[in-house]
Every structure is written in C-alpha cells, then in structure tokens.
Amino acid sequence: MKTYLELFSAPRHAPQFLSIKGPGTGFGFNWTDFRCYQEALGRAVQNNPNKPARLGADQSHDWPWTDDDGKAGGMIVFKRPR
C-alpha cells in the first residue's frame, strides 16, 4: 500500500495494469488480502483520484473492476468501471 501511494499519489499518475496475482493471506503470505477492495491496497487505490485501467487477478476478488477483458499470463483481466 505504501509503495502504491508513493508511486501514484501525484496528479495524473496511476498504473495502467495492476496485478493481484496469487495474493494469499495468513502466515507465509501477505498480511493484507489484496483481493478485498476494503483492505489496504484497495483503499490506496480508492484514495487516489486516478485508477488503474486494468486489474489482473487469478482468484476471485471484490474490486469493482468487473468487465472481463480477456486473459493475460494466467490471469483474468478486468476493465476499470466507468
């Protein structure tokens, strides 16, 4: 989350593609569930006026990026909501 905020908090800056591939949670994985839009990474994206154009996920997620835009590298790619 801190990295995202540091890189993309400037006006008109956002990644074109954000990957939440293999996020996992619990011991040995991340402490934050990146699949959950109300967790740290999702909140960082919400608080940035510029949003990623595409979201790649290999597991289910609750982000509002829901329009299937194909597949890339074993992930389903979703378009940003309008």
Protein backbone atom coordinates (compact mmCIF):
# COMPACT_ATOMS: atom_id res chain seq x y z
CA MET A 1 0.00 0.00 0.00
CA LYS A 2 2.73 2.50 0.95
CA THR A 3 4.58 1.75 -2.29
CA TYR A 4 1.42 2.30 -4.32
CA LEU A 5 0.75 5.61 -2.59
CA GLU A 6 4.35 6.79 -3.03
CA LEU A 7 4.42 5.93 -6.73
CA PHE A 8 0.96 7.00 -7.77
CA SER A 9 -0.18 9.83 -5.49
CA ALA A 10 0.98 12.58 -7.86
CA PRO A 11 -1.71 14.10 -10.11
CA ARG A 12 -2.44 12.08 -13.25
CA HIS A 13 -0.36 9.09 -12.14
CA ALA A 14 -1.77 5.58 -11.99
CA PRO A 15 -0.56 2.24 -13.28
CA GLN A 16 -2.20 1.04 -16.48
CA PHE A 17 -2.29 -2.51 -15.12
CA LEU A 18 -2.46 -3.63 -11.50
CA SER A 19 -1.92 -7.32 -10.77
CA ILE A 20 -3.24 -9.08 -7.67
CA LYS A 21 -1.98 -12.47 -8.82
CA GLY A 22 -1.55 -15.06 -6.06
CA PRO A 23 -2.23 -12.61 -3.24
CA GLY A 24 -2.81 -15.17 -0.47
CA THR A 25 -3.17 -14.29 3.19
CA GLY A 26 -2.02 -15.63 6.53
CA PHE A 27 1.31 -16.99 7.68
CA GLY A 28 3.87 -17.07 4.88
CA PHE A 29 1.80 -14.89 2.59
CA ASN A 30 0.57 -11.30 2.77
CA TRP A 31 -0.91 -9.88 5.94
CA THR A 32 -3.38 -7.97 3.80
CA ASP A 33 -5.84 -9.62 1.44
CA PHE A 34 -5.27 -7.72 -1.81
CA ARG A 35 -8.41 -9.34 -3.24
CA CYS A 36 -10.54 -7.29 -0.83
CA TYR A 37 -11.25 -3.75 -2.04
CA GLN A 38 -11.77 -2.54 1.55
CA GLU A 39 -8.27 -3.67 2.65
CA ALA A 40 -5.07 -1.59 2.44
CA LEU A 41 -4.30 -1.80 -1.31
CA GLY A 42 -7.92 -1.23 -2.31
CA ARG A 43 -8.15 1.77 0.00
CA ALA A 44 -4.93 3.19 -1.50
CA VAL A 45 -6.48 2.91 -4.96
CA GLN A 46 -9.76 4.42 -3.73
CA ASN A 47 -7.92 7.40 -2.23
CA ASN A 48 -6.08 8.13 -5.47
CA PRO A 49 -8.05 10.23 -7.97
CA ASN A 50 -6.51 8.19 -10.81
CA LYS A 51 -7.30 4.49 -11.04
CA PRO A 52 -5.58 1.64 -12.92
CA ALA A 53 -7.16 0.98 -16.31
CA ARG A 54 -6.96 -2.80 -15.91
CA LEU A 55 -6.85 -5.24 -12.99
CA GLY A 56 -5.38 -8.72 -13.36
CA ALA A 57 -6.48 -11.41 -10.93
CA ASP A 58 -6.01 -15.17 -10.77
CA GLN A 59 -8.54 -15.62 -7.96
CA SER A 60 -11.88 -14.14 -7.04
CA HIS A 61 -11.92 -10.55 -5.80
CA ASP A 62 -14.45 -7.91 -4.77
CA TRP A 63 -12.94 -4.96 -6.63
CA PRO A 64 -15.38 -3.04 -8.86
CA TRP A 65 -13.27 -3.89 -11.94
CA THR A 66 -15.72 -6.45 -13.31
CA ASP A 67 -15.90 -6.25 -17.11
CA ASP A 68 -13.92 -9.23 -18.39
CA ASP A 69 -11.31 -8.02 -20.88
CA GLY A 70 -9.67 -11.35 -21.72
CA LYS A 71 -6.73 -13.22 -20.26
CA ALA A 72 -3.03 -12.50 -19.87
CA GLY A 73 -0.34 -14.58 -18.20
CA GLY A 74 -2.78 -16.94 -16.49
CA MET A 75 -4.87 -14.08 -15.12
CA ILE A 76 -8.30 -12.77 -15.98
CA VAL A 77 -8.07 -9.11 -16.94
CA PHE A 78 -10.83 -6.72 -15.89
CA LYS A 79 -11.56 -3.18 -17.10
CA ARG A 80 -11.95 -0.22 -14.76
CA PRO A 81 -15.58 0.72 -14.13
CA ARG A 82 -16.81 3.90 -15.78
